[in-house]
Amino acid sequence: SMADWDERFFGEAPNGLTREGVEDAWIAHLEALWARGTPWA
């Protein structure tokens, strides 16, 4: 639900986000944790 908040409530241009893209970016964060020895869970 937050994906369109910037556009709807702050007048920003559409951000073009997709769930797939957000998931991929999030997995990059989990991979960085994993590389440092932190459980991704």
PDB file of all heavy atoms in Angstrom:
ATOM      1  N   SER A   1       0.825  -1.212   0.000  1.00  0.00           N
ATOM      2  CA  SER A   1       0.000   0.000   0.000  1.00  0.00           C
ATOM      3  C   SER A   1       0.856   1.257   0.000  1.00  0.00           C
ATOM      4  O   SER A   1       0.420   2.319  -0.452  1.00  0.00           O
ATOM      5  CB  SER A   1      -0.936   0.006   1.214  1.00  0.00           C
ATOM      6  OG  SER A   1      -0.197   0.143   2.425  1.00  0.00           O
ATOM      7  N   MET A   2       2.091   1.156   0.490  1.00  0.00           N
ATOM      8  CA  MET A   2       2.960   2.334   0.555  1.00  0.00           C
ATOM      9  C   MET A   2       3.568   2.695  -0.787  1.00  0.00           C
ATOM     10  O   MET A   2       4.157   3.776  -0.935  1.00  0.00           O
ATOM     11  CB  MET A   2       4.087   2.092   1.566  1.00  0.00           C
ATOM     12  CG  MET A   2       3.605   2.002   3.001  1.00  0.00           C
ATOM     13  SD  MET A   2       4.985   1.943   4.190  1.00  0.00           S
ATOM     14  CE  MET A   2       5.437   0.217   4.072  1.00  0.00           C
ATOM     15  N   ALA A   3       3.441   1.815  -1.772  1.00  0.00           N
ATOM     16  CA  ALA A   3       4.156   2.013  -3.033  1.00  0.00           C
ATOM     17  C   ALA A   3       3.713   3.266  -3.787  1.00  0.00           C
ATOM     18  O   ALA A   3       4.487   3.817  -4.567  1.00  0.00           O
ATOM     19  CB  ALA A   3       4.006   0.783  -3.920  1.00  0.00           C
ATOM     20  N   ASP A   4       2.477   3.729  -3.561  1.00  0.00           N
ATOM     21  CA  ASP A   4       2.042   4.939  -4.264  1.00  0.00           C
ATOM     22  C   ASP A   4       1.889   6.138  -3.332  1.00  0.00           C
ATOM     23  O   ASP A   4       1.356   7.170  -3.729  1.00  0.00           O
ATOM     24  CB  ASP A   4       0.742   4.683  -5.026  1.00  0.00           C
ATOM     25  CG  ASP A   4      -0.464   4.513  -4.115  1.00  0.00           C
ATOM     26  OD1 ASP A   4      -0.275   4.343  -2.886  1.00  0.00           O
ATOM     27  OD2 ASP A   4      -1.602   4.541  -4.627  1.00  0.00           O
ATOM     28  N   TRP A   5       2.374   6.032  -2.114  1.00  0.00           N
ATOM     29  CA  TRP A   5       2.237   7.145  -1.176  1.00  0.00           C
ATOM     30  C   TRP A   5       2.981   8.386  -1.651  1.00  0.00           C
ATOM     31  O   TRP A   5       2.486   9.509  -1.501  1.00  0.00           O
ATOM     32  CB  TRP A   5       2.755   6.743   0.208  1.00  0.00           C
ATOM     33  CG  TRP A   5       1.791   5.893   0.997  1.00  0.00           C
ATOM     34  CD1 TRP A   5       0.624   5.347   0.554  1.00  0.00           C
ATOM     35  CD2 TRP A   5       1.934   5.491   2.360  1.00  0.00           C
ATOM     36  NE1 TRP A   5       0.030   4.615   1.559  1.00  0.00           N
ATOM     37  CE2 TRP A   5       0.812   4.685   2.664  1.00  0.00           C
ATOM     38  CE3 TRP A   5       2.900   5.698   3.338  1.00  0.00           C
ATOM     39  CZ2 TRP A   5       0.639   4.116   3.937  1.00  0.00           C
ATOM     40  CZ3 TRP A   5       2.727   5.137   4.594  1.00  0.00           C
ATOM     41  CH2 TRP A   5       1.605   4.361   4.891  1.00  0.00           C
ATOM     42  N   ASP A   6       4.172   8.215  -2.205  1.00  0.00           N
ATOM     43  CA  ASP A   6       4.941   9.389  -2.634  1.00  0.00           C
ATOM     44  C   ASP A   6       4.190  10.167  -3.711  1.00  0.00           C
ATOM     45  O   ASP A   6       4.161  11.401  -3.705  1.00  0.00           O
ATOM     46  CB  ASP A   6       6.313   8.966  -3.158  1.00  0.00           C
ATOM     47  CG  ASP A   6       7.213   8.408  -2.066  1.00  0.00           C
ATOM     48  OD1 ASP A   6       6.860   8.536  -0.877  1.00  0.00           O
ATOM     49  OD2 ASP A   6       8.267   7.841  -2.402  1.00  0.00           O
ATOM     50  N   GLU A   7       3.594   9.426  -4.632  1.00  0.00           N
ATOM     51  CA  GLU A   7       2.836  10.075  -5.703  1.00  0.00           C
ATOM     52  C   GLU A   7       1.543  10.676  -5.173  1.00  0.00           C
ATOM     53  O   GLU A   7       1.220  11.840  -5.455  1.00  0.00           O
ATOM     54  CB  GLU A   7       2.529   9.052  -6.798  1.00  0.00           C
ATOM     55  CG  GLU A   7       1.693   9.621  -7.941  1.00  0.00           C
ATOM     56  CD  GLU A   7       1.324   8.564  -8.972  1.00  0.00           C
ATOM     57  OE1 GLU A   7       1.725   7.385  -8.816  1.00  0.00           O
ATOM     58  OE2 GLU A   7       0.615   8.925  -9.941  1.00  0.00           O
ATOM     59  N   ARG A   8       0.814   9.896  -4.368  1.00  0.00           N
ATOM     60  CA  ARG A   8      -0.513  10.326  -3.948  1.00  0.00           C
ATOM     61  C   ARG A   8      -0.484  11.438  -2.902  1.00  0.00           C
ATOM     62  O   ARG A   8      -1.310  12.355  -2.947  1.00  0.00           O
ATOM     63  CB  ARG A   8      -1.297   9.126  -3.396  1.00  0.00           C
ATOM     64  CG  ARG A   8      -2.706   9.457  -2.966  1.00  0.00           C
ATOM     65  CD  ARG A   8      -3.537   8.226  -2.744  1.00  0.00           C
ATOM     66  NE  ARG A   8      -4.911   8.553  -2.388  1.00  0.00           N
ATOM     67  CZ  ARG A   8      -5.863   7.662  -2.154  1.00  0.00           C
ATOM     68  NH1 ARG A   8      -5.587   6.375  -2.259  1.00  0.00           N
ATOM     69  NH2 ARG A   8      -7.077   8.041  -1.829  1.00  0.00           N
ATOM     70  N   PHE A   9       0.457  11.362  -1.978  1.00  0.00           N
ATOM     71  CA  PHE A   9       0.427  12.287  -0.848  1.00  0.00           C
ATOM     72  C   PHE A   9       1.548  13.325  -0.838  1.00  0.00           C
ATOM     73  O   PHE A   9       1.520  14.262  -0.047  1.00  0.00           O
ATOM     74  CB  PHE A   9       0.441  11.494   0.464  1.00  0.00           C
ATOM     75  CG  PHE A   9      -0.740  10.570   0.610  1.00  0.00           C
ATOM     76  CD1 PHE A   9      -0.563   9.199   0.625  1.00  0.00           C
ATOM     77  CD2 PHE A   9      -2.026  11.072   0.704  1.00  0.00           C
ATOM     78  CE1 PHE A   9      -1.647   8.338   0.749  1.00  0.00           C
ATOM     79  CE2 PHE A   9      -3.123  10.230   0.817  1.00  0.00           C
ATOM     80  CZ  PHE A   9      -2.931   8.853   0.839  1.00  0.00           C
ATOM     81  N   PHE A  10       2.539  13.161  -1.737  1.00  0.00           N
ATOM     82  CA  PHE A  10       3.629  14.131  -1.806  1.00  0.00           C
ATOM     83  C   PHE A  10       3.800  14.745  -3.193  1.00  0.00           C
ATOM     84  O   PHE A  10       4.729  15.504  -3.424  1.00  0.00           O
ATOM     85  CB  PHE A  10       4.949  13.477  -1.369  1.00  0.00           C
ATOM     86  CG  PHE A  10       5.002  13.132   0.084  1.00  0.00           C
ATOM     87  CD1 PHE A  10       4.682  11.855   0.518  1.00  0.00           C
ATOM     88  CD2 PHE A  10       5.360  14.077   1.039  1.00  0.00           C
ATOM     89  CE1 PHE A  10       4.728  11.517   1.869  1.00  0.00           C
ATOM     90  CE2 PHE A  10       5.417  13.755   2.386  1.00  0.00           C
ATOM     91  CZ  PHE A  10       5.092  12.466   2.798  1.00  0.00           C
ATOM     92  N   GLY A  11       2.915  14.389  -4.130  1.00  0.00           N
ATOM     93  CA  GLY A  11       2.985  14.986  -5.449  1.00  0.00           C
ATOM     94  C   GLY A  11       4.158  14.546  -6.288  1.00  0.00           C
ATOM     95  O   GLY A  11       4.532  15.227  -7.256  1.00  0.00           O
ATOM     96  N   GLU A  12       4.769  13.409  -5.957  1.00  0.00           N
ATOM     97  CA  GLU A  12       5.905  12.899  -6.715  1.00  0.00           C
ATOM     98  C   GLU A  12       5.438  12.295  -8.048  1.00  0.00           C
ATOM     99  O   GLU A  12       4.273  11.916  -8.214  1.00  0.00           O
ATOM    100  CB  GLU A  12       6.633  11.818  -5.915  1.00  0.00           C
ATOM    101  CG  GLU A  12       7.296  12.322  -4.648  1.00  0.00           C
ATOM    102  CD  GLU A  12       8.623  12.990  -4.937  1.00  0.00           C
ATOM    103  OE1 GLU A  12       9.478  12.376  -5.592  1.00  0.00           O
ATOM    104  OE2 GLU A  12       8.794  14.141  -4.499  1.00  0.00           O
ATOM    105  N   ALA A  13       6.353  12.195  -8.986  1.00  0.00           N
ATOM    106  CA  ALA A  13       6.053  11.500 -10.234  1.00  0.00           C
ATOM    107  C   ALA A  13       5.888  10.007  -9.947  1.00  0.00           C
ATOM    108  O   ALA A  13       6.437   9.489  -8.969  1.00  0.00           O
ATOM    109  CB  ALA A  13       7.189  11.712 -11.232  1.00  0.00           C
ATOM    110  N   PRO A  14       5.131   9.283 -10.777  1.00  0.00           N
ATOM    111  CA  PRO A  14       4.999   7.832 -10.582  1.00  0.00           C
ATOM    112  C   PRO A  14       6.369   7.176 -10.518  1.00  0.00           C
ATOM    113  O   PRO A  14       7.274   7.509 -11.291  1.00  0.00           O
ATOM    114  CB  PRO A  14       4.205   7.385 -11.814  1.00  0.00           C
ATOM    115  CG  PRO A  14       3.436   8.604 -12.234  1.00  0.00           C
ATOM    116  CD  PRO A  14       4.329   9.762 -11.931  1.00  0.00           C
ATOM    117  N   ASN A  15       6.528   6.250  -9.560  1.00  0.00           N
ATOM    118  CA  ASN A  15       7.852   5.674  -9.344  1.00  0.00           C
ATOM    119  C   ASN A  15       8.112   4.408 -10.151  1.00  0.00           C
ATOM    120  O   ASN A  15       9.243   3.917 -10.192  1.00  0.00           O
ATOM    121  CB  ASN A  15       8.081   5.387  -7.853  1.00  0.00           C
ATOM    122  CG  ASN A  15       6.985   4.521  -7.251  1.00  0.00           C
ATOM    123  OD1 ASN A  15       6.419   3.653  -7.913  1.00  0.00           O
ATOM    124  ND2 ASN A  15       6.678   4.748  -5.979  1.00  0.00           N
ATOM    125  N   GLY A  16       7.078   3.872 -10.782  1.00  0.00           N
ATOM    126  CA  GLY A  16       7.267   2.698 -11.620  1.00  0.00           C
ATOM    127  C   GLY A  16       7.617   1.426 -10.863  1.00  0.00           C
ATOM    128  O   GLY A  16       8.081   0.444 -11.461  1.00  0.00           O
ATOM    129  N   LEU A  17       7.394   1.430  -9.547  1.00  0.00           N
ATOM    130  CA  LEU A  17       7.727   0.242  -8.769  1.00  0.00           C
ATOM    131  C   LEU A  17       6.866  -0.954  -9.167  1.00  0.00           C
ATOM    132  O   LEU A  17       5.694  -0.811  -9.502  1.00  0.00           O
ATOM    133  CB  LEU A  17       7.520   0.512  -7.272  1.00  0.00           C
ATOM    134  CG  LEU A  17       8.488   1.462  -6.574  1.00  0.00           C
ATOM    135  CD1 LEU A  17       8.068   1.664  -5.126  1.00  0.00           C
ATOM    136  CD2 LEU A  17       9.912   0.933  -6.644  1.00  0.00           C
ATOM    137  N   THR A  18       7.473  -2.119  -9.112  1.00  0.00           N
ATOM    138  CA  THR A  18       6.750  -3.385  -9.233  1.00  0.00           C
ATOM    139  C   THR A  18       7.101  -4.236  -8.028  1.00  0.00           C
ATOM    140  O   THR A  18       8.163  -4.069  -7.411  1.00  0.00           O
ATOM    141  CB  THR A  18       7.146  -4.150 -10.507  1.00  0.00           C
ATOM    142  OG1 THR A  18       8.537  -4.522 -10.406  1.00  0.00           O
ATOM    143  CG2 THR A  18       6.917  -3.300 -11.749  1.00  0.00           C
ATOM    144  N   ARG A  19       6.225  -5.159  -7.701  1.00  0.00           N
ATOM    145  CA  ARG A  19       6.531  -6.040  -6.564  1.00  0.00           C
ATOM    146  C   ARG A  19       7.773  -6.868  -6.858  1.00  0.00           C
ATOM    147  O   ARG A  19       8.590  -7.119  -5.962  1.00  0.00           O
ATOM    148  CB  ARG A  19       5.333  -6.941  -6.266  1.00  0.00           C
ATOM    149  CG  ARG A  19       4.104  -6.191  -5.772  1.00  0.00           C
ATOM    150  CD  ARG A  19       3.042  -7.165  -5.295  1.00  0.00           C
ATOM    151  NE  ARG A  19       1.701  -6.629  -5.457  1.00  0.00           N
ATOM    152  CZ  ARG A  19       0.795  -6.533  -4.487  1.00  0.00           C
ATOM    153  NH1 ARG A  19       1.086  -6.933  -3.268  1.00  0.00           N
ATOM    154  NH2 ARG A  19      -0.403  -6.049  -4.720  1.00  0.00           N
ATOM    155  N   GLU A  20       7.909  -7.284  -8.109  1.00  0.00           N
ATOM    156  CA  GLU A  20       9.095  -8.065  -8.472  1.00  0.00           C
ATOM    157  C   GLU A  20      10.372  -7.257  -8.247  1.00  0.00           C
ATOM    158  O   GLU A  20      11.373  -7.767  -7.724  1.00  0.00           O
ATOM    159  CB  GLU A  20       9.019  -8.513  -9.928  1.00  0.00           C
ATOM    160  CG  GLU A  20       7.955  -9.550 -10.234  1.00  0.00           C
ATOM    161  CD  GLU A  20       6.587  -8.921 -10.523  1.00  0.00           C
ATOM    162  OE1 GLU A  20       6.453  -7.677 -10.384  1.00  0.00           O
ATOM    163  OE2 GLU A  20       5.662  -9.677 -10.891  1.00  0.00           O
ATOM    164  N   GLY A  21      10.342  -5.989  -8.657  1.00  0.00           N
ATOM    165  CA  GLY A  21      11.518  -5.144  -8.490  1.00  0.00           C
ATOM    166  C   GLY A  21      11.840  -4.888  -7.033  1.00  0.00           C
ATOM    167  O   GLY A  21      13.016  -4.886  -6.631  1.00  0.00           O
ATOM    168  N   VAL A  22      10.808  -4.644  -6.223  1.00  0.00           N
ATOM    169  CA  VAL A  22      11.024  -4.436  -4.791  1.00  0.00           C
ATOM    170  C   VAL A  22      11.582  -5.709  -4.154  1.00  0.00           C
ATOM    171  O   VAL A  22      12.510  -5.660  -3.339  1.00  0.00           O
ATOM    172  CB  VAL A  22       9.714  -4.007  -4.105  1.00  0.00           C
ATOM    173  CG1 VAL A  22       9.853  -4.039  -2.586  1.00  0.00           C
ATOM    174  CG2 VAL A  22       9.314  -2.601  -4.569  1.00  0.00           C
ATOM    175  N   GLU A  23      11.030  -6.854  -4.572  1.00  0.00           N
ATOM    176  CA  GLU A  23      11.540  -8.115  -4.018  1.00  0.00           C
ATOM    177  C   GLU A  23      13.015  -8.305  -4.371  1.00  0.00           C
ATOM    178  O   GLU A  23      13.831  -8.682  -3.515  1.00  0.00           O
ATOM    179  CB  GLU A  23      10.717  -9.303  -4.528  1.00  0.00           C
ATOM    180  CG  GLU A  23      11.196 -10.628  -3.945  1.00  0.00           C
ATOM    181  CD  GLU A  23      10.383 -11.820  -4.410  1.00  0.00           C
ATOM    182  OE1 GLU A  23       9.241 -11.636  -4.885  1.00  0.00           O
ATOM    183  OE2 GLU A  23      10.902 -12.949  -4.307  1.00  0.00           O
ATOM    184  N   ASP A  24      13.388  -8.029  -5.599  1.00  0.00           N
ATOM    185  CA  ASP A  24      14.791  -8.191  -5.998  1.00  0.00           C
ATOM    186  C   ASP A  24      15.707  -7.272  -5.179  1.00  0.00           C
ATOM    187  O   ASP A  24      16.800  -7.679  -4.748  1.00  0.00           O
ATOM    188  CB  ASP A  24      14.962  -7.894  -7.484  1.00  0.00           C
ATOM    189  CG  ASP A  24      14.411  -9.007  -8.375  1.00  0.00           C
ATOM    190  OD1 ASP A  24      14.177 -10.129  -7.864  1.00  0.00           O
ATOM    191  OD2 ASP A  24      14.205  -8.749  -9.577  1.00  0.00           O
ATOM    192  N   ALA A  25      15.275  -6.040  -4.968  1.00  0.00           N
ATOM    193  CA  ALA A  25      16.083  -5.108  -4.172  1.00  0.00           C
ATOM    194  C   ALA A  25      16.194  -5.585  -2.728  1.00  0.00           C
ATOM    195  O   ALA A  25      17.250  -5.457  -2.092  1.00  0.00           O
ATOM    196  CB  ALA A  25      15.478  -3.705  -4.233  1.00  0.00           C
ATOM    197  N   TRP A  26      15.119  -6.135  -2.225  1.00  0.00           N
ATOM    198  CA  TRP A  26      15.114  -6.657  -0.859  1.00  0.00           C
ATOM    199  C   TRP A  26      16.026  -7.874  -0.729  1.00  0.00           C
ATOM    200  O   TRP A  26      16.762  -8.014   0.258  1.00  0.00           O
ATOM    201  CB  TRP A  26      13.696  -6.991  -0.450  1.00  0.00           C
ATOM    202  CG  TRP A  26      13.542  -7.569   0.929  1.00  0.00           C
ATOM    203  CD1 TRP A  26      13.010  -8.768   1.272  1.00  0.00           C
ATOM    204  CD2 TRP A  26      13.913  -6.949   2.174  1.00  0.00           C
ATOM    205  NE1 TRP A  26      13.019  -8.946   2.629  1.00  0.00           N
ATOM    206  CE2 TRP A  26      13.569  -7.834   3.207  1.00  0.00           C
ATOM    207  CE3 TRP A  26      14.507  -5.725   2.492  1.00  0.00           C
ATOM    208  CZ2 TRP A  26      13.803  -7.553   4.551  1.00  0.00           C
ATOM    209  CZ3 TRP A  26      14.738  -5.437   3.844  1.00  0.00           C
ATOM    210  CH2 TRP A  26      14.388  -6.346   4.847  1.00  0.00           C
ATOM    211  N   ILE A  27      16.007  -8.741  -1.736  1.00  0.00           N
ATOM    212  CA  ILE A  27      16.892  -9.909  -1.705  1.00  0.00           C
ATOM    213  C   ILE A  27      18.355  -9.467  -1.688  1.00  0.00           C
ATOM    214  O   ILE A  27      19.197 -10.093  -1.040  1.00  0.00           O
ATOM    215  CB  ILE A  27      16.617 -10.839  -2.894  1.00  0.00           C
ATOM    216  CG1 ILE A  27      15.173 -11.360  -2.846  1.00  0.00           C
ATOM    217  CG2 ILE A  27      17.598 -12.008  -2.922  1.00  0.00           C
ATOM    218  CD1 ILE A  27      14.784 -12.036  -1.549  1.00  0.00           C
ATOM    219  N   ALA A  28      18.667  -8.372  -2.373  1.00  0.00           N
ATOM    220  CA  ALA A  28      20.043  -7.856  -2.328  1.00  0.00           C
ATOM    221  C   ALA A  28      20.428  -7.487  -0.896  1.00  0.00           C
ATOM    222  O   ALA A  28      21.566  -7.718  -0.465  1.00  0.00           O
ATOM    223  CB  ALA A  28      20.181  -6.650  -3.254  1.00  0.00           C
ATOM    224  N   HIS A  29      19.481  -6.917  -0.150  1.00  0.00           N
ATOM    225  CA  HIS A  29      19.744  -6.603   1.264  1.00  0.00           C
ATOM    226  C   HIS A  29      19.969  -7.889   2.055  1.00  0.00           C
ATOM    227  O   HIS A  29      20.901  -7.976   2.874  1.00  0.00           O
ATOM    228  CB  HIS A  29      18.568  -5.818   1.846  1.00  0.00           C
ATOM    229  CG  HIS A  29      18.686  -5.518   3.310  1.00  0.00           C
ATOM    230  ND1 HIS A  29      19.602  -4.626   3.812  1.00  0.00           N
ATOM    231  CD2 HIS A  29      18.009  -6.019   4.385  1.00  0.00           C
ATOM    232  CE1 HIS A  29      19.484  -4.571   5.135  1.00  0.00           C
ATOM    233  NE2 HIS A  29      18.531  -5.404   5.503  1.00  0.00           N
ATOM    234  N   LEU A  30      19.127  -8.899   1.813  1.00  0.00           N
ATOM    235  CA  LEU A  30      19.288 -10.166   2.526  1.00  0.00           C
ATOM    236  C   LEU A  30      20.617 -10.827   2.182  1.00  0.00           C
ATOM    237  O   LEU A  30      21.283 -11.412   3.050  1.00  0.00           O
ATOM    238  CB  LEU A  30      18.133 -11.113   2.184  1.00  0.00           C
ATOM    239  CG  LEU A  30      16.709 -10.658   2.519  1.00  0.00           C
ATOM    240  CD1 LEU A  30      15.717 -11.784   2.248  1.00  0.00           C
ATOM    241  CD2 LEU A  30      16.602 -10.190   3.964  1.00  0.00           C
ATOM    242  N   GLU A  31      21.013 -10.738   0.910  1.00  0.00           N
ATOM    243  CA  GLU A  31      22.292 -11.324   0.496  1.00  0.00           C
ATOM    244  C   GLU A  31      23.459 -10.634   1.205  1.00  0.00           C
ATOM    245  O   GLU A  31      24.440 -11.278   1.602  1.00  0.00           O
ATOM    246  CB  GLU A  31      22.464 -11.217  -1.027  1.00  0.00           C
ATOM    247  CG  GLU A  31      21.545 -12.123  -1.828  1.00  0.00           C
ATOM    248  CD  GLU A  31      21.992 -13.588  -1.806  1.00  0.00           C
ATOM    249  OE1 GLU A  31      23.109 -13.868  -1.309  1.00  0.00           O
ATOM    250  OE2 GLU A  31      21.221 -14.444  -2.270  1.00  0.00           O
ATOM    251  N   ALA A  32      23.361  -9.317   1.366  1.00  0.00           N
ATOM    252  CA  ALA A  32      24.424  -8.588   2.070  1.00  0.00           C
ATOM    253  C   ALA A  32      24.500  -9.037   3.529  1.00  0.00           C
ATOM    254  O   ALA A  32      25.602  -9.187   4.084  1.00  0.00           O
ATOM    255  CB  ALA A  32      24.182  -7.086   1.978  1.00  0.00           C
ATOM    256  N   LEU A  33      23.348  -9.242   4.161  1.00  0.00           N
ATOM    257  CA  LEU A  33      23.346  -9.764   5.528  1.00  0.00           C
ATOM    258  C   LEU A  33      23.981 -11.144   5.586  1.00  0.00           C
ATOM    259  O   LEU A  33      24.813 -11.437   6.454  1.00  0.00           O
ATOM    260  CB  LEU A  33      21.907  -9.842   6.063  1.00  0.00           C
ATOM    261  CG  LEU A  33      21.150  -8.540   6.279  1.00  0.00           C
ATOM    262  CD1 LEU A  33      19.733  -8.841   6.762  1.00  0.00           C
ATOM    263  CD2 LEU A  33      21.869  -7.649   7.287  1.00  0.00           C
ATOM    264  N   TRP A  34      23.561 -11.988   4.646  1.00  0.00           N
ATOM    265  CA  TRP A  34      24.055 -13.365   4.582  1.00  0.00           C
ATOM    266  C   TRP A  34      25.578 -13.382   4.434  1.00  0.00           C
ATOM    267  O   TRP A  34      26.274 -14.166   5.093  1.00  0.00           O
ATOM    268  CB  TRP A  34      23.374 -14.056   3.410  1.00  0.00           C
ATOM    269  CG  TRP A  34      23.793 -15.465   3.125  1.00  0.00           C
ATOM    270  CD1 TRP A  34      24.714 -15.879   2.212  1.00  0.00           C
ATOM    271  CD2 TRP A  34      23.296 -16.654   3.745  1.00  0.00           C
ATOM    272  NE1 TRP A  34      24.813 -17.249   2.214  1.00  0.00           N
ATOM    273  CE2 TRP A  34      23.961 -17.751   3.141  1.00  0.00           C
ATOM    274  CE3 TRP A  34      22.354 -16.907   4.732  1.00  0.00           C
ATOM    275  CZ2 TRP A  34      23.712 -19.067   3.505  1.00  0.00           C
ATOM    276  CZ3 TRP A  34      22.107 -18.224   5.095  1.00  0.00           C
ATOM    277  CH2 TRP A  34      22.779 -19.280   4.485  1.00  0.00           C
ATOM    278  N   ALA A  35      26.096 -12.482   3.615  1.00  0.00           N
ATOM    279  CA  ALA A  35      27.545 -12.423   3.397  1.00  0.00           C
ATOM    280  C   ALA A  35      28.293 -12.020   4.662  1.00  0.00           C
ATOM    281  O   ALA A  35      29.461 -12.389   4.844  1.00  0.00           O
ATOM    282  CB  ALA A  35      27.864 -11.446   2.262  1.00  0.00           C
ATOM    283  N   ARG A  36      27.623 -11.277   5.530  1.00  0.00           N
ATOM    284  CA  ARG A  36      28.254 -10.858   6.792  1.00  0.00           C
ATOM    285  C   ARG A  36      28.015 -11.858   7.920  1.00  0.00           C
ATOM    286  O   ARG A  36      28.414 -11.618   9.061  1.00  0.00           O
ATOM    287  CB  ARG A  36      27.721  -9.483   7.221  1.00  0.00           C
ATOM    288  CG  ARG A  36      28.061  -8.361   6.259  1.00  0.00           C
ATOM    289  CD  ARG A  36      27.867  -7.005   6.911  1.00  0.00           C
ATOM    290  NE  ARG A  36      26.499  -6.747   7.322  1.00  0.00           N
ATOM    291  CZ  ARG A  36      25.587  -6.139   6.562  1.00  0.00           C
ATOM    292  NH1 ARG A  36      25.921  -5.738   5.329  1.00  0.00           N
ATOM    293  NH2 ARG A  36      24.365  -5.925   6.998  1.00  0.00           N
ATOM    294  N   GLY A  37      27.319 -12.954   7.601  1.00  0.00           N
ATOM    295  CA  GLY A  37      27.072 -13.972   8.613  1.00  0.00           C
ATOM    296  C   GLY A  37      25.820 -13.765   9.428  1.00  0.00           C
ATOM    297  O   GLY A  37      25.609 -14.436  10.443  1.00  0.00           O
ATOM    298  N   THR A  38      24.956 -12.836   9.004  1.00  0.00           N
ATOM    299  CA  THR A  38      23.702 -12.585   9.713  1.00  0.00           C
ATOM    300  C   THR A  38      22.591 -13.411   9.076  1.00  0.00           C
ATOM    301  O   THR A  38      22.389 -13.331   7.860  1.00  0.00           O
ATOM    302  CB  THR A  38      23.321 -11.095   9.643  1.00  0.00           C
ATOM    303  OG1 THR A  38      24.366 -10.318  10.225  1.00  0.00           O
ATOM    304  CG2 THR A  38      22.014 -10.826  10.386  1.00  0.00           C
ATOM    305  N   PRO A  39      21.842 -14.198   9.836  1.00  0.00           N
ATOM    306  CA  PRO A  39      20.747 -14.987   9.256  1.00  0.00           C
ATOM    307  C   PRO A  39      19.732 -14.074   8.567  1.00  0.00           C
ATOM    308  O   PRO A  39      19.277 -13.082   9.153  1.00  0.00           O
ATOM    309  CB  PRO A  39      20.129 -15.687  10.472  1.00  0.00           C
ATOM    310  CG  PRO A  39      21.212 -15.705  11.503  1.00  0.00           C
ATOM    311  CD  PRO A  39      21.983 -14.439  11.296  1.00  0.00           C
ATOM    312  N   TRP A  40      19.375 -14.405   7.342  1.00  0.00           N
ATOM    313  CA  TRP A  40      18.450 -13.538   6.602  1.00  0.00           C
ATOM    314  C   TRP A  40      17.052 -13.526   7.206  1.00  0.00           C
ATOM    315  O   TRP A  40      16.283 -12.584   7.001  1.00  0.00           O
ATOM    316  CB  TRP A  40      18.389 -13.935   5.126  1.00  0.00           C
ATOM    317  CG  TRP A  40      18.098 -15.384   4.847  1.00  0.00           C
ATOM    318  CD1 TRP A  40      19.006 -16.336   4.496  1.00  0.00           C
ATOM    319  CD2 TRP A  40      16.824 -16.042   4.866  1.00  0.00           C
ATOM    320  NE1 TRP A  40      18.385 -17.555   4.309  1.00  0.00           N
ATOM    321  CE2 TRP A  40      17.051 -17.391   4.519  1.00  0.00           C
ATOM    322  CE3 TRP A  40      15.522 -15.619   5.125  1.00  0.00           C
ATOM    323  CZ2 TRP A  40      16.017 -18.337   4.453  1.00  0.00           C
ATOM    324  CZ3 TRP A  40      14.486 -16.540   5.068  1.00  0.00           C
ATOM    325  CH2 TRP A  40      14.725 -17.875   4.731  1.00  0.00           C
ATOM    326  N   ALA A  41      16.718 -14.561   7.975  1.00  0.00           N
ATOM    327  CA  ALA A  41      15.365 -14.645   8.536  1.00  0.00           C
ATOM    328  C   ALA A  41      15.055 -13.511   9.502  1.00  0.00           C
ATOM    329  O   ALA A  41      13.886 -13.140   9.667  1.00  0.00           O
ATOM    330  CB  ALA A  41      15.171 -15.988   9.236  1.00  0.00           C
TER     331      ALA A  41
END
